[in-house]
PDB file of N, CA and C in Angstrom:
ATOM      1  N   MET A   1      15.382   5.468  -3.686  1.00  0.00           N
ATOM      2  CA  MET A   1      14.806   4.146  -3.882  1.00  0.00           C
ATOM      3  C   MET A   1      14.538   3.530  -2.514  1.00  0.00           C
ATOM      4  N   ALA A   2      13.454   2.768  -2.458  1.00  0.00           N
ATOM      5  CA  ALA A   2      13.082   2.127  -1.196  1.00  0.00           C
ATOM      6  C   ALA A   2      12.827   0.646  -1.428  1.00  0.00           C
ATOM      7  N   LYS A   3      13.281  -0.170  -0.510  1.00  0.00           N
ATOM      8  CA  LYS A   3      12.986  -1.599  -0.533  1.00  0.00           C
ATOM      9  C   LYS A   3      11.669  -1.787   0.199  1.00  0.00           C
ATOM     10  N   ILE A   4      10.676  -2.325  -0.518  1.00  0.00           N
ATOM     11  CA  ILE A   4       9.344  -2.502   0.045  1.00  0.00           C
ATOM     12  C   ILE A   4       8.984  -3.977  -0.002  1.00  0.00           C
ATOM     13  N   THR A   5       8.435  -4.457   1.102  1.00  0.00           N
ATOM     14  CA  THR A   5       8.010  -5.851   1.219  1.00  0.00           C
ATOM     15  C   THR A   5       6.494  -5.912   1.166  1.00  0.00           C
ATOM     16  N   TYR A   6       5.986  -6.734   0.244  1.00  0.00           N
ATOM     17  CA  TYR A   6       4.552  -6.966   0.095  1.00  0.00           C
ATOM     18  C   TYR A   6       4.279  -8.397   0.563  1.00  0.00           C
ATOM     19  N   ARG A   7       3.478  -8.544   1.601  1.00  0.00           N
ATOM     20  CA  ARG A   7       3.148  -9.871   2.122  1.00  0.00           C
ATOM     21  C   ARG A   7       1.718 -10.219   1.706  1.00  0.00           C
ATOM     22  N   HIS A   8       1.599 -11.351   1.046  1.00  0.00           N
ATOM     23  CA  HIS A   8       0.317 -11.811   0.521  1.00  0.00           C
ATOM     24  C   HIS A   8      -0.422 -12.634   1.570  1.00  0.00           C
ATOM     25  N   PRO A   9      -1.757 -12.617   1.542  1.00  0.00           N
ATOM     26  CA  PRO A   9      -2.527 -13.370   2.534  1.00  0.00           C
ATOM     27  C   PRO A   9      -2.249 -14.872   2.509  1.00  0.00           C
ATOM     28  N   ARG A  10      -1.831 -15.393   1.374  1.00  0.00           N
ATOM     29  CA  ARG A  10      -1.558 -16.836   1.263  1.00  0.00           C
ATOM     30  C   ARG A  10      -0.144 -17.205   1.723  1.00  0.00           C
ATOM     31  N   GLY A  11       0.617 -16.196   2.210  1.00  0.00           N
ATOM     32  CA  GLY A  11       1.928 -16.467   2.780  1.00  0.00           C
ATOM     33  C   GLY A  11       3.110 -16.090   1.916  1.00  0.00           C
ATOM     34  N   THR A  12       2.903 -15.776   0.663  1.00  0.00           N
ATOM     35  CA  THR A  12       3.992 -15.381  -0.225  1.00  0.00           C
ATOM     36  C   THR A  12       4.492 -13.990   0.165  1.00  0.00           C
ATOM     37  N   VAL A  13       5.796 -13.811   0.078  1.00  0.00           N
ATOM     38  CA  VAL A  13       6.406 -12.512   0.372  1.00  0.00           C
ATOM     39  C   VAL A  13       7.189 -12.071  -0.854  1.00  0.00           C
ATOM     40  N   THR A  14       6.954 -10.819  -1.281  1.00  0.00           N
ATOM     41  CA  THR A  14       7.671 -10.260  -2.419  1.00  0.00           C
ATOM     42  C   THR A  14       8.366  -8.985  -1.974  1.00  0.00           C
ATOM     43  N   VAL A  15       9.672  -8.905  -2.202  1.00  0.00           N
ATOM     44  CA  VAL A  15      10.462  -7.728  -1.830  1.00  0.00           C
ATOM     45  C   VAL A  15      10.991  -7.105  -3.113  1.00  0.00           C
ATOM     46  N   VAL A  16      10.738  -5.812  -3.285  1.00  0.00           N
ATOM     47  CA  VAL A  16      11.186  -5.119  -4.495  1.00  0.00           C
ATOM     48  C   VAL A  16      11.790  -3.767  -4.138  1.00  0.00           C
ATOM     49  N   ASP A  17      12.675  -3.297  -5.009  1.00  0.00           N
ATOM     50  CA  ASP A  17      13.199  -1.936  -4.910  1.00  0.00           C
ATOM     51  C   ASP A  17      12.296  -1.053  -5.762  1.00  0.00           C
ATOM     52  N   VAL A  18      11.753  -0.014  -5.158  1.00  0.00           N
ATOM     53  CA  VAL A  18      10.844   0.890  -5.861  1.00  0.00           C
ATOM     54  C   VAL A  18      11.486   2.273  -5.897  1.00  0.00           C
ATOM     55  N   PRO A  19      11.729   2.799  -7.098  1.00  0.00           N
ATOM     56  CA  PRO A  19      12.336   4.122  -7.190  1.00  0.00           C
ATOM     57  C   PRO A  19      11.309   5.237  -6.992  1.00  0.00           C
ATOM     58  N   ALA A  20      11.773   6.346  -6.428  1.00  0.00           N
ATOM     59  CA  ALA A  20      10.954   7.563  -6.377  1.00  0.00           C
ATOM     60  C   ALA A  20      10.873   8.083  -7.809  1.00  0.00           C
ATOM     61  N   PRO A  21       9.850   8.742  -8.206  1.00  0.00           N
ATOM     62  CA  PRO A  21       8.742   9.276  -7.442  1.00  0.00           C
ATOM     63  C   PRO A  21       7.485   8.407  -7.516  1.00  0.00           C
ATOM     64  N   ASN A  22       7.625   7.120  -7.533  1.00  0.00           N
ATOM     65  CA  ASN A  22       6.464   6.231  -7.567  1.00  0.00           C
ATOM     66  C   ASN A  22       5.755   6.225  -6.213  1.00  0.00           C
ATOM     67  N   THR A  23       4.655   5.497  -6.162  1.00  0.00           N
ATOM     68  CA  THR A  23       3.955   5.248  -4.911  1.00  0.00           C
ATOM     69  C   THR A  23       4.101   3.765  -4.592  1.00  0.00           C
ATOM     70  N   VAL A  24       3.714   3.379  -3.404  1.00  0.00           N
ATOM     71  CA  VAL A  24       3.749   1.964  -3.028  1.00  0.00           C
ATOM     72  C   VAL A  24       2.836   1.165  -3.961  1.00  0.00           C
ATOM     73  N   MET A  25       1.701   1.741  -4.358  1.00  0.00           N
ATOM     74  CA  MET A  25       0.802   1.089  -5.311  1.00  0.00           C
ATOM     75  C   MET A  25       1.476   0.897  -6.664  1.00  0.00           C
ATOM     76  N   ARG A  26       2.086   1.940  -7.167  1.00  0.00           N
ATOM     77  CA  ARG A  26       2.745   1.877  -8.491  1.00  0.00           C
ATOM     78  C   ARG A  26       3.900   0.877  -8.452  1.00  0.00           C
ATOM     79  N   GLY A  27       4.601   0.802  -7.343  1.00  0.00           N
ATOM     80  CA  GLY A  27       5.671  -0.185  -7.201  1.00  0.00           C
ATOM     81  C   GLY A  27       5.135  -1.599  -7.342  1.00  0.00           C
ATOM     82  N   ALA A  28       3.962  -1.850  -6.778  1.00  0.00           N
ATOM     83  CA  ALA A  28       3.336  -3.173  -6.914  1.00  0.00           C
ATOM     84  C   ALA A  28       2.943  -3.439  -8.354  1.00  0.00           C
ATOM     85  N   LYS A  29       2.359  -2.455  -9.006  1.00  0.00           N
ATOM     86  CA  LYS A  29       1.921  -2.633 -10.391  1.00  0.00           C
ATOM     87  C   LYS A  29       3.119  -2.831 -11.329  1.00  0.00           C
ATOM     88  N   LEU A  30       4.171  -2.063 -11.143  1.00  0.00           N
ATOM     89  CA  LEU A  30       5.362  -2.176 -11.997  1.00  0.00           C
ATOM     90  C   LEU A  30       6.048  -3.532 -11.853  1.00  0.00           C
ATOM     91  N   ASN A  31       5.867  -4.163 -10.707  1.00  0.00           N
ATOM     92  CA  ASN A  31       6.517  -5.441 -10.434  1.00  0.00           C
ATOM     93  C   ASN A  31       5.557  -6.629 -10.467  1.00  0.00           C
ATOM     94  N   ASP A  32       4.383  -6.420 -11.059  1.00  0.00           N
ATOM     95  CA  ASP A  32       3.386  -7.492 -11.242  1.00  0.00           C
ATOM     96  C   ASP A  32       3.036  -8.207  -9.938  1.00  0.00           C
ATOM     97  N   ILE A  33       2.859  -7.442  -8.883  1.00  0.00           N
ATOM     98  CA  ILE A  33       2.498  -8.014  -7.598  1.00  0.00           C
ATOM     99  C   ILE A  33       0.984  -8.151  -7.528  1.00  0.00           C
ATOM    100  N   ASP A  34       0.520  -9.372  -7.350  1.00  0.00           N
ATOM    101  CA  ASP A  34      -0.910  -9.618  -7.219  1.00  0.00           C
ATOM    102  C   ASP A  34      -1.419  -9.054  -5.906  1.00  0.00           C
ATOM    103  N   GLY A  35      -2.673  -8.630  -5.904  1.00  0.00           N
ATOM    104  CA  GLY A  35      -3.305  -8.194  -4.672  1.00  0.00           C
ATOM    105  C   GLY A  35      -3.556  -6.705  -4.584  1.00  0.00           C
ATOM    106  N   ILE A  36      -3.037  -5.951  -5.541  1.00  0.00           N
ATOM    107  CA  ILE A  36      -3.311  -4.516  -5.607  1.00  0.00           C
ATOM    108  C   ILE A  36      -3.942  -4.269  -6.966  1.00  0.00           C
ATOM    109  N   GLU A  37      -5.237  -3.955  -6.952  1.00  0.00           N
ATOM    110  CA  GLU A  37      -5.953  -3.760  -8.218  1.00  0.00           C
ATOM    111  C   GLU A  37      -5.786  -2.354  -8.772  1.00  0.00           C
ATOM    112  N   ALA A  38      -5.910  -1.345  -7.920  1.00  0.00           N
ATOM    113  CA  ALA A  38      -5.721   0.051  -8.330  1.00  0.00           C
ATOM    114  C   ALA A  38      -6.621   0.440  -9.496  1.00  0.00           C
ATOM    115  N   GLN A  39      -7.895   0.184  -9.364  1.00  0.00           N
ATOM    116  CA  GLN A  39      -8.852   0.447 -10.440  1.00  0.00           C
ATOM    117  C   GLN A  39      -8.920   1.915 -10.839  1.00  0.00           C
ATOM    118  N   CYS A  40      -8.711   2.832  -9.905  1.00  0.00           N
ATOM    119  CA  CYS A  40      -8.808   4.257 -10.248  1.00  0.00           C
ATOM    120  C   CYS A  40      -7.466   4.838 -10.697  1.00  0.00           C
ATOM    121  N   GLY A  41      -6.431   4.024 -10.720  1.00  0.00           N
ATOM    122  CA  GLY A  41      -5.137   4.478 -11.203  1.00  0.00           C
ATOM    123  C   GLY A  41      -4.343   5.318 -10.214  1.00  0.00           C
ATOM    124  N   GLY A  42      -4.781   5.381  -8.985  1.00  0.00           N
ATOM    125  CA  GLY A  42      -4.001   6.094  -7.976  1.00  0.00           C
ATOM    126  C   GLY A  42      -4.569   7.435  -7.564  1.00  0.00           C
ATOM    127  N   SER A  43      -5.850   7.660  -7.805  1.00  0.00           N
ATOM    128  CA  SER A  43      -6.442   8.952  -7.455  1.00  0.00           C
ATOM    129  C   SER A  43      -7.231   8.924  -6.150  1.00  0.00           C
ATOM    130  N   ALA A  44      -7.015   7.912  -5.327  1.00  0.00           N
ATOM    131  CA  ALA A  44      -7.652   7.795  -4.001  1.00  0.00           C
ATOM    132  C   ALA A  44      -9.173   7.821  -4.087  1.00  0.00           C
ATOM    133  N   GLN A  45      -9.723   7.076  -5.049  1.00  0.00           N
ATOM    134  CA  GLN A  45     -11.175   7.055  -5.202  1.00  0.00           C
ATOM    135  C   GLN A  45     -11.795   5.679  -5.035  1.00  0.00           C
ATOM    136  N   CYS A  46     -11.043   4.614  -5.288  1.00  0.00           N
ATOM    137  CA  CYS A  46     -11.681   3.291  -5.346  1.00  0.00           C
ATOM    138  C   CYS A  46     -11.379   2.398  -4.136  1.00  0.00           C
ATOM    139  N   GLY A  47     -10.269   2.591  -3.475  1.00  0.00           N
ATOM    140  CA  GLY A  47      -9.911   1.770  -2.324  1.00  0.00           C
ATOM    141  C   GLY A  47      -9.364   0.399  -2.663  1.00  0.00           C
ATOM    142  N   THR A  48      -9.078   0.123  -3.944  1.00  0.00           N
ATOM    143  CA  THR A  48      -8.590  -1.209  -4.334  1.00  0.00           C
ATOM    144  C   THR A  48      -7.075  -1.329  -4.284  1.00  0.00           C
ATOM    145  N   CYS A  49      -6.445  -0.408  -3.567  1.00  0.00           N
ATOM    146  CA  CYS A  49      -5.002  -0.511  -3.304  1.00  0.00           C
ATOM    147  C   CYS A  49      -4.757  -0.510  -1.797  1.00  0.00           C
ATOM    148  N   HIS A  50      -5.775  -0.889  -1.063  1.00  0.00           N
ATOM    149  CA  HIS A  50      -5.751  -0.939   0.401  1.00  0.00           C
ATOM    150  C   HIS A  50      -4.657  -1.900   0.870  1.00  0.00           C
ATOM    151  N   VAL A  51      -3.887  -1.476   1.852  1.00  0.00           N
ATOM    152  CA  VAL A  51      -2.875  -2.337   2.479  1.00  0.00           C
ATOM    153  C   VAL A  51      -2.913  -2.118   3.984  1.00  0.00           C
ATOM    154  N   TYR A  52      -2.344  -3.082   4.697  1.00  0.00           N
ATOM    155  CA  TYR A  52      -2.148  -2.966   6.134  1.00  0.00           C
ATOM    156  C   TYR A  52      -0.656  -2.790   6.371  1.00  0.00           C
ATOM    157  N   VAL A  53      -0.270  -1.699   6.965  1.00  0.00           N
ATOM    158  CA  VAL A  53       1.142  -1.395   7.201  1.00  0.00           C
ATOM    159  C   VAL A  53       1.608  -2.120   8.460  1.00  0.00           C
ATOM    160  N   ASP A  54       2.719  -2.838   8.337  1.00  0.00           N
ATOM    161  CA  ASP A  54       3.318  -3.505   9.498  1.00  0.00           C
ATOM    162  C   ASP A  54       3.894  -2.420  10.398  1.00  0.00           C
ATOM    163  N   GLU A  55       3.278  -2.243  11.540  1.00  0.00           N
ATOM    164  CA  GLU A  55       3.677  -1.165  12.442  1.00  0.00           C
ATOM    165  C   GLU A  55       5.026  -1.421  13.109  1.00  0.00           C
ATOM    166  N   ASP A  56       5.545  -2.638  13.005  1.00  0.00           N
ATOM    167  CA  ASP A  56       6.832  -2.968  13.598  1.00  0.00           C
ATOM    168  C   ASP A  56       8.004  -2.732  12.643  1.00  0.00           C
ATOM    169  N   CYS A  57       7.737  -2.300  11.404  1.00  0.00           N
ATOM    170  CA  CYS A  57       8.827  -2.132  10.436  1.00  0.00           C
ATOM    171  C   CYS A  57       9.627  -0.863  10.681  1.00  0.00           C
ATOM    172  N   GLY A  58       9.125   0.041  11.520  1.00  0.00           N
ATOM    173  CA  GLY A  58       9.881   1.222  11.898  1.00  0.00           C
ATOM    174  C   GLY A  58       9.840   2.376  10.916  1.00  0.00           C
ATOM    175  N   VAL A  59       9.024   2.280   9.878  1.00  0.00           N
ATOM    176  CA  VAL A  59       8.945   3.347   8.889  1.00  0.00           C
ATOM    177  C   VAL A  59       7.877   4.352   9.315  1.00  0.00           C
ATOM    178  N   VAL A  60       8.222   5.620   9.247  1.00  0.00           N
ATOM    179  CA  VAL A  60       7.269   6.685   9.558  1.00  0.00           C
ATOM    180  C   VAL A  60       6.598   7.111   8.263  1.00  0.00           C
ATOM    181  N   LEU A  61       5.281   7.013   8.236  1.00  0.00           N
ATOM    182  CA  LEU A  61       4.512   7.324   7.029  1.00  0.00           C
ATOM    183  C   LEU A  61       4.054   8.777   7.020  1.00  0.00           C
ATOM    184  N   PRO A  62       3.787   9.309   5.829  1.00  0.00           N
ATOM    185  CA  PRO A  62       3.216  10.649   5.780  1.00  0.00           C
ATOM    186  C   PRO A  62       1.820  10.649   6.398  1.00  0.00           C
ATOM    187  N   GLU A  63       1.398  11.789   6.856  1.00  0.00           N
ATOM    188  CA  GLU A  63       0.082  11.921   7.468  1.00  0.00           C
ATOM    189  C   GLU A  63      -1.017  11.569   6.455  1.00  0.00           C
ATOM    190  N   MET A  64      -2.075  10.958   6.955  1.00  0.00           N
ATOM    191  CA  MET A  64      -3.200  10.577   6.109  1.00  0.00           C
ATOM    192  C   MET A  64      -4.072  11.813   5.839  1.00  0.00           C
ATOM    193  N   HIS A  65      -4.401  11.997   4.560  1.00  0.00           N
ATOM    194  CA  HIS A  65      -5.286  13.095   4.183  1.00  0.00           C
ATOM    195  C   HIS A  65      -6.745  12.676   4.351  1.00  0.00           C
ATOM    196  N   GLU A  66      -7.616  13.641   4.437  1.00  0.00           N
ATOM    197  CA  GLU A  66      -9.036  13.407   4.674  1.00  0.00           C
ATOM    198  C   GLU A  66      -9.665  12.511   3.596  1.00  0.00           C
ATOM    199  N   VAL A  67      -9.296  12.687   2.342  1.00  0.00           N
ATOM    200  CA  VAL A  67      -9.864  11.874   1.261  1.00  0.00           C
ATOM    201  C   VAL A  67      -9.499  10.408   1.454  1.00  0.00           C
ATOM    202  N   GLU A  68      -8.233  10.137   1.751  1.00  0.00           N
ATOM    203  CA  GLU A  68      -7.803   8.763   1.998  1.00  0.00           C
ATOM    204  C   GLU A  68      -8.569   8.175   3.177  1.00  0.00           C
ATOM    205  N   ASP A  69      -8.705   8.935   4.220  1.00  0.00           N
ATOM    206  CA  ASP A  69      -9.425   8.496   5.412  1.00  0.00           C
ATOM    207  C   ASP A  69     -10.860   8.104   5.049  1.00  0.00           C
ATOM    208  N   ASP A  70     -11.523   8.913   4.256  1.00  0.00           N
ATOM    209  CA  ASP A  70     -12.903   8.625   3.841  1.00  0.00           C
ATOM    210  C   ASP A  70     -12.994   7.364   2.993  1.00  0.00           C
ATOM    211  N   VAL A  71     -12.094   7.208   2.038  1.00  0.00           N
ATOM    212  CA  VAL A  71     -12.124   6.046   1.132  1.00  0.00           C
ATOM    213  C   VAL A  71     -11.903   4.750   1.908  1.00  0.00           C
ATOM    214  N   LEU A  72     -11.072   4.782   2.918  1.00  0.00           N
ATOM    215  CA  LEU A  72     -10.775   3.569   3.680  1.00  0.00           C
ATOM    216  C   LEU A  72     -11.987   3.001   4.413  1.00  0.00           C
ATOM    217  N   TYR A  73     -13.026   3.792   4.586  1.00  0.00           N
ATOM    218  CA  TYR A  73     -14.244   3.274   5.214  1.00  0.00           C
ATOM    219  C   TYR A  73     -15.069   2.417   4.259  1.00  0.00           C
ATOM    220  N   GLY A  74     -14.752   2.432   2.969  1.00  0.00           N
ATOM    221  CA  GLY A  74     -15.524   1.667   2.002  1.00  0.00           C
ATOM    222  C   GLY A  74     -14.748   0.560   1.317  1.00  0.00           C
ATOM    223  N   THR A  75     -13.665   0.099   1.905  1.00  0.00           N
ATOM    224  CA  THR A  75     -12.857  -0.947   1.272  1.00  0.00           C
ATOM    225  C   THR A  75     -13.481  -2.324   1.470  1.00  0.00           C
ATOM    226  N   ALA A  76     -13.134  -3.250   0.572  1.00  0.00           N
ATOM    227  CA  ALA A  76     -13.699  -4.603   0.612  1.00  0.00           C
ATOM    228  C   ALA A  76     -13.274  -5.372   1.858  1.00  0.00           C
ATOM    229  N   SER A  77     -12.020  -5.213   2.256  1.00  0.00           N
ATOM    230  CA  SER A  77     -11.537  -5.843   3.487  1.00  0.00           C
ATOM    231  C   SER A  77     -11.651  -4.826   4.611  1.00  0.00           C
ATOM    232  N   PRO A  78     -11.850  -5.289   5.828  1.00  0.00           N
ATOM    233  CA  PRO A  78     -12.089  -4.365   6.938  1.00  0.00           C
ATOM    234  C   PRO A  78     -10.959  -3.360   7.145  1.00  0.00           C
ATOM    235  N   ARG A  79     -11.362  -2.152   7.465  1.00  0.00           N
ATOM    236  CA  ARG A  79     -10.390  -1.126   7.827  1.00  0.00           C
ATOM    237  C   ARG A  79      -9.853  -1.443   9.220  1.00  0.00           C
ATOM    238  N   ARG A  80      -8.539  -1.211   9.383  1.00  0.00           N
ATOM    239  CA  ARG A  80      -7.883  -1.372  10.679  1.00  0.00           C
ATOM    240  C   ARG A  80      -7.122  -0.084  11.001  1.00  0.00           C
ATOM    241  N   ALA A  81      -6.587  -0.020  12.190  1.00  0.00           N
ATOM    242  CA  ALA A  81      -5.820   1.159  12.594  1.00  0.00           C
ATOM    243  C   ALA A  81      -4.606   1.378  11.690  1.00  0.00           C
ATOM    244  N   ASN A  82      -4.077   0.297  11.100  1.00  0.00           N
ATOM    245  CA  ASN A  82      -2.886   0.392  10.253  1.00  0.00           C
ATOM    246  C   ASN A  82      -3.220   0.362   8.760  1.00  0.00           C
ATOM    247  N   SER A  83      -4.479   0.591   8.396  1.00  0.00           N
ATOM    248  CA  SER A  83      -4.887   0.617   6.988  1.00  0.00           C
ATOM    249  C   SER A  83      -4.409   1.894   6.310  1.00  0.00           C
ATOM    250  N   ARG A  84      -3.949   1.734   5.072  1.00  0.00           N
ATOM    251  CA  ARG A  84      -3.595   2.871   4.225  1.00  0.00           C
ATOM    252  C   ARG A  84      -3.931   2.522   2.788  1.00  0.00           C
ATOM    253  N   LEU A  85      -4.095   3.555   1.955  1.00  0.00           N
ATOM    254  CA  LEU A  85      -4.188   3.363   0.517  1.00  0.00           C
ATOM    255  C   LEU A  85      -2.766   3.462  -0.020  1.00  0.00           C
ATOM    256  N   SER A  86      -2.323   2.421  -0.696  1.00  0.00           N
ATOM    257  CA  SER A  86      -0.927   2.416  -1.160  1.00  0.00           C
ATOM    258  C   SER A  86      -0.674   3.473  -2.232  1.00  0.00           C
ATOM    259  N   CYS A  87      -1.728   3.957  -2.880  1.00  0.00           N
ATOM    260  CA  CYS A  87      -1.559   5.029  -3.868  1.00  0.00           C
ATOM    261  C   CYS A  87      -1.248   6.367  -3.212  1.00  0.00           C
ATOM    262  N   GLN A  88      -1.450   6.456  -1.915  1.00  0.00           N
ATOM    263  CA  GLN A  88      -1.215   7.701  -1.192  1.00  0.00           C
ATOM    264  C   GLN A  88       0.076   7.672  -0.376  1.00  0.00           C
ATOM    265  N   LEU A  89       0.917   6.677  -0.673  1.00  0.00           N
ATOM    266  CA  LEU A  89       2.203   6.557   0.006  1.00  0.00           C
ATOM    267  C   LEU A  89       3.323   6.770  -1.006  1.00  0.00           C
ATOM    268  N   PRO A  90       3.798   8.018  -1.136  1.00  0.00           N
ATOM    269  CA  PRO A  90       4.864   8.296  -2.096  1.00  0.00           C
ATOM    270  C   PRO A  90       6.184   7.670  -1.651  1.00  0.00           C
ATOM    271  N   VAL A  91       6.858   7.057  -2.588  1.00  0.00           N
ATOM    272  CA  VAL A  91       8.130   6.402  -2.291  1.00  0.00           C
ATOM    273  C   VAL A  91       9.239   7.442  -2.185  1.00  0.00           C
ATOM    274  N   SER A  92      10.009   7.301  -1.127  1.00  0.00           N
ATOM    275  CA  SER A  92      11.218   8.098  -0.912  1.00  0.00           C
ATOM    276  C   SER A  92      12.158   7.230  -0.086  1.00  0.00           C
ATOM    277  N   ASP A  93      13.345   7.729   0.164  1.00  0.00           N
ATOM    278  CA  ASP A  93      14.286   6.987   1.009  1.00  0.00           C
ATOM    279  C   ASP A  93      13.693   6.721   2.388  1.00  0.00           C
ATOM    280  N   ALA A  94      12.797   7.585   2.841  1.00  0.00           N
ATOM    281  CA  ALA A  94      12.187   7.432   4.159  1.00  0.00           C
ATOM    282  C   ALA A  94      11.311   6.183   4.259  1.00  0.00           C
ATOM    283  N   LEU A  95      10.855   5.664   3.117  1.00  0.00           N
ATOM    284  CA  LEU A  95      10.013   4.457   3.119  1.00  0.00           C
ATOM    285  C   LEU A  95      10.830   3.172   2.991  1.00  0.00           C
ATOM    286  N   ASP A  96      12.149   3.284   2.933  1.00  0.00           N
ATOM    287  CA  ASP A  96      12.984   2.095   2.822  1.00  0.00           C
ATOM    288  C   ASP A  96      12.736   1.171   4.009  1.00  0.00           C
ATOM    289  N   GLY A  97      12.398  -0.085   3.725  1.00  0.00           N
ATOM    290  CA  GLY A  97      12.117  -1.057   4.771  1.00  0.00           C
ATOM    291  C   GLY A  97      10.637  -1.222   5.069  1.00  0.00           C
ATOM    292  N   LEU A  98       9.783  -0.504   4.337  1.00  0.00           N
ATOM    293  CA  LEU A  98       8.342  -0.598   4.563  1.00  0.00           C
ATOM    294  C   LEU A  98       7.852  -2.016   4.283  1.00  0.00           C
ATOM    295  N   VAL A  99       6.980  -2.505   5.153  1.00  0.00           N
ATOM    296  CA  VAL A  99       6.370  -3.816   4.997  1.00  0.00           C
ATOM    297  C   VAL A  99       4.863  -3.613   5.005  1.00  0.00           C
ATOM    298  N   VAL A 100       4.189  -4.111   3.965  1.00  0.00           N
ATOM    299  CA  VAL A 100       2.729  -4.016   3.902  1.00  0.00           C
ATOM    300  C   VAL A 100       2.137  -5.403   3.702  1.00  0.00           C
ATOM    301  N   ASP A 101       1.012  -5.607   4.366  1.00  0.00           N
ATOM    302  CA  ASP A 101       0.238  -6.838   4.191  1.00  0.00           C
ATOM    303  C   ASP A 101      -0.920  -6.538   3.258  1.00  0.00           C
ATOM    304  N   LEU A 102      -1.091  -7.396   2.275  1.00  0.00           N
ATOM    305  CA  LEU A 102      -2.192  -7.233   1.338  1.00  0.00           C
ATOM    306  C   LEU A 102      -3.430  -7.897   1.921  1.00  0.00           C
ATOM    307  N   PRO A 103      -4.597  -7.273   1.784  1.00  0.00           N
ATOM    308  CA  PRO A 103      -5.815  -7.860   2.350  1.00  0.00           C
ATOM    309  C   PRO A 103      -6.311  -9.043   1.530  1.00  0.00           C
ATOM    310  N   GLN A 104      -7.269  -9.768   2.097  1.00  0.00           N
ATOM    311  CA  GLN A 104      -7.857 -10.923   1.413  1.00  0.00           C
ATOM    312  C   GLN A 104      -8.531 -10.525   0.104  1.00  0.00           C
ATOM    313  N   ALA A 105      -9.188  -9.372   0.076  1.00  0.00           N
ATOM    314  CA  ALA A 105      -9.922  -8.938  -1.115  1.00  0.00           C
ATOM    315  C   ALA A 105      -9.786  -7.439  -1.282  1.00  0.00           C
ATOM    316  N   GLN A 106      -9.821  -6.993  -2.536  1.00  0.00           N
ATOM    317  CA  GLN A 106      -9.767  -5.565  -2.842  1.00  0.00           C
ATOM    318  C   GLN A 106     -11.096  -5.065  -3.410  1.00  0.00           C
ATOM    319  N   SER A 107     -11.893  -5.946  -3.934  1.00  0.00           N
ATOM    320  CA  SER A 107     -13.174  -5.499  -4.500  1.00  0.00           C
ATOM    321  C   SER A 107     -14.226  -6.554  -4.302  1.00  0.00           C
TER     322      SER A 107
END
């Protein structure tokens, strides 16, 4: 299980425990966190689960796959160096303490 912090653009912060084998996206959906639409259900096709990873949280993320990299170029909010698709971040103990910022828009 990992404690994940979702920071909303309007300043709200939501911290939840997300059990494996979920993804960061699924953790948001299971906990009714606004800001992650996940229109494709987690298949890395729509980009509506885009998040900005807080690089100061100290969590090492899995390597980005080519499909995720391609999808991030078409997201509604601008891609940044710390952009990831939350559907491509599998939850494990290694993600404990992860902090993600939700973008202004997903679609």
